[in-house]
Amino acid sequence: MDRSLILSKLKVIVANYSHDKDALEYLTESTDFIKDLKINSANLVDVVLDVEEEFDIEIDNLSMERMLNVSAALEIITDKLKEK
């Protein structure tokens, strides 16, 4: 799956939990889920669950701990899709 397609799907997912709509509008690979989008840690778990459902992948605890920004999320999703 193309990285830009993954990014667009990820943006839709995080939009449901972001408390900073301006930051969401300018989402890039360097965007931090907590600092930039103001997603709290409980909602970050929801983001991970939604990502698993959207991409039909399973994200292990170690990967979940790393998934704090868009770049890490893209890397994890891409890797998990390759494993399928």
C-alpha atoms as a PDB file:
ATOM      1  CA  MET A   1       0.000   0.000   0.000  1.00  0.00           C
ATOM      2  CA  ASP A   2       1.270   3.438  -0.945  1.00  0.00           C
ATOM      3  CA  ARG A   3       2.629   5.571   1.929  1.00  0.00           C
ATOM      4  CA  SER A   4       0.470   8.568   0.963  1.00  0.00           C
ATOM      5  CA  LEU A   5      -2.652   6.385   1.010  1.00  0.00           C
ATOM      6  CA  ILE A   6      -1.718   5.102   4.462  1.00  0.00           C
ATOM      7  CA  LEU A   7      -1.192   8.706   5.591  1.00  0.00           C
ATOM      8  CA  SER A   8      -4.601   9.800   4.309  1.00  0.00           C
ATOM      9  CA  LYS A   9      -6.317   6.879   6.080  1.00  0.00           C
ATOM     10  CA  LEU A  10      -4.368   7.619   9.264  1.00  0.00           C
ATOM     11  CA  LYS A  11      -5.444  11.271   9.113  1.00  0.00           C
ATOM     12  CA  VAL A  12      -9.102  10.230   9.023  1.00  0.00           C
ATOM     13  CA  ILE A  13      -8.566   8.018  12.066  1.00  0.00           C
ATOM     14  CA  VAL A  14      -6.745  10.616  14.184  1.00  0.00           C
ATOM     15  CA  ALA A  15      -9.260  13.319  13.230  1.00  0.00           C
ATOM     16  CA  ASN A  16     -11.762  11.622  15.550  1.00  0.00           C
ATOM     17  CA  TYR A  17      -9.461  12.121  18.551  1.00  0.00           C
ATOM     18  CA  SER A  18      -7.523  15.312  17.781  1.00  0.00           C
ATOM     19  CA  HIS A  19      -8.196  18.343  19.951  1.00  0.00           C
ATOM     20  CA  ASP A  20      -6.199  20.678  17.695  1.00  0.00           C
ATOM     21  CA  LYS A  21      -7.941  20.861  14.339  1.00  0.00           C
ATOM     22  CA  ASP A  22      -5.413  23.383  12.985  1.00  0.00           C
ATOM     23  CA  ALA A  23      -2.539  20.961  13.582  1.00  0.00           C
ATOM     24  CA  LEU A  24      -4.606  18.205  11.991  1.00  0.00           C
ATOM     25  CA  GLU A  25      -5.040  20.315   8.868  1.00  0.00           C
ATOM     26  CA  TYR A  26      -1.246  20.555   8.501  1.00  0.00           C
ATOM     27  CA  LEU A  27      -0.520  16.934   9.429  1.00  0.00           C
ATOM     28  CA  THR A  28       2.947  15.781   8.322  1.00  0.00           C
ATOM     29  CA  GLU A  29       5.194  12.854   9.151  1.00  0.00           C
ATOM     30  CA  SER A  30       6.745  14.886  11.978  1.00  0.00           C
ATOM     31  CA  THR A  31       3.378  15.533  13.663  1.00  0.00           C
ATOM     32  CA  ASP A  32       3.310  14.247  17.253  1.00  0.00           C
ATOM     33  CA  PHE A  33      -0.007  12.745  18.337  1.00  0.00           C
ATOM     34  CA  ILE A  34       0.181  14.015  21.925  1.00  0.00           C
ATOM     35  CA  LYS A  35       2.060  17.322  21.620  1.00  0.00           C
ATOM     36  CA  ASP A  36       0.709  18.565  18.297  1.00  0.00           C
ATOM     37  CA  LEU A  37      -2.729  16.997  17.974  1.00  0.00           C
ATOM     38  CA  LYS A  38      -3.462  17.037  21.728  1.00  0.00           C
ATOM     39  CA  ILE A  39      -4.588  13.398  21.703  1.00  0.00           C
ATOM     40  CA  ASN A  40      -4.567  12.061  25.268  1.00  0.00           C
ATOM     41  CA  SER A  41      -3.002   8.714  26.099  1.00  0.00           C
ATOM     42  CA  ALA A  42      -6.347   6.946  26.495  1.00  0.00           C
ATOM     43  CA  ASN A  43      -7.413   8.085  23.038  1.00  0.00           C
ATOM     44  CA  LEU A  44      -4.039   7.047  21.646  1.00  0.00           C
ATOM     45  CA  VAL A  45      -5.023   3.469  22.478  1.00  0.00           C
ATOM     46  CA  ASP A  46      -8.237   4.061  20.507  1.00  0.00           C
ATOM     47  CA  VAL A  47      -6.156   5.306  17.569  1.00  0.00           C
ATOM     48  CA  VAL A  48      -4.121   2.089  17.664  1.00  0.00           C
ATOM     49  CA  LEU A  49      -7.294  -0.034  17.784  1.00  0.00           C
ATOM     50  CA  ASP A  50      -8.789   1.895  14.861  1.00  0.00           C
ATOM     51  CA  VAL A  51      -5.546   1.491  12.888  1.00  0.00           C
ATOM     52  CA  GLU A  52      -5.620  -2.260  13.520  1.00  0.00           C
ATOM     53  CA  GLU A  53      -9.194  -2.433  12.264  1.00  0.00           C
ATOM     54  CA  GLU A  54      -8.673  -0.168   9.233  1.00  0.00           C
ATOM     55  CA  PHE A  55      -5.564  -1.952   7.991  1.00  0.00           C
ATOM     56  CA  ASP A  56      -6.443  -5.460   9.272  1.00  0.00           C
ATOM     57  CA  ILE A  57      -3.185  -5.718  11.226  1.00  0.00           C
ATOM     58  CA  GLU A  58      -2.191  -6.482  14.798  1.00  0.00           C
ATOM     59  CA  ILE A  59       0.042  -4.017  16.622  1.00  0.00           C
ATOM     60  CA  ASP A  60       2.056  -5.550  19.450  1.00  0.00           C
ATOM     61  CA  ASN A  61       2.749  -3.723  22.718  1.00  0.00           C
ATOM     62  CA  LEU A  62       6.307  -2.770  21.756  1.00  0.00           C
ATOM     63  CA  SER A  63       5.123  -1.188  18.505  1.00  0.00           C
ATOM     64  CA  MET A  64       2.266   0.507  20.328  1.00  0.00           C
ATOM     65  CA  GLU A  65       4.714   2.195  22.709  1.00  0.00           C
ATOM     66  CA  ARG A  66       6.654   3.567  19.704  1.00  0.00           C
ATOM     67  CA  MET A  67       3.565   4.879  17.913  1.00  0.00           C
ATOM     68  CA  LEU A  68       3.694   8.449  19.218  1.00  0.00           C
ATOM     69  CA  ASN A  69       3.972  10.359  15.954  1.00  0.00           C
ATOM     70  CA  VAL A  70       2.876  10.072  12.351  1.00  0.00           C
ATOM     71  CA  SER A  71       6.264   8.896  11.093  1.00  0.00           C
ATOM     72  CA  ALA A  72       6.422   6.002  13.576  1.00  0.00           C
ATOM     73  CA  ALA A  73       2.809   5.087  12.831  1.00  0.00           C
ATOM     74  CA  LEU A  74       3.504   4.961   9.081  1.00  0.00           C
ATOM     75  CA  GLU A  75       6.585   2.817   9.641  1.00  0.00           C
ATOM     76  CA  ILE A  76       4.726   0.394  11.921  1.00  0.00           C
ATOM     77  CA  ILE A  77       1.707   0.125   9.606  1.00  0.00           C
ATOM     78  CA  THR A  78       3.934  -0.409   6.564  1.00  0.00           C
ATOM     79  CA  ASP A  79       5.957  -3.111   8.342  1.00  0.00           C
ATOM     80  CA  LYS A  80       2.835  -4.902   9.561  1.00  0.00           C
ATOM     81  CA  LEU A  81       1.286  -4.828   6.082  1.00  0.00           C
ATOM     82  CA  LYS A  82       4.465  -6.393   4.641  1.00  0.00           C
ATOM     83  CA  GLU A  83       4.173  -9.219   7.197  1.00  0.00           C
ATOM     84  CA  LYS A  84       0.705 -10.170   5.949  1.00  0.00           C
END
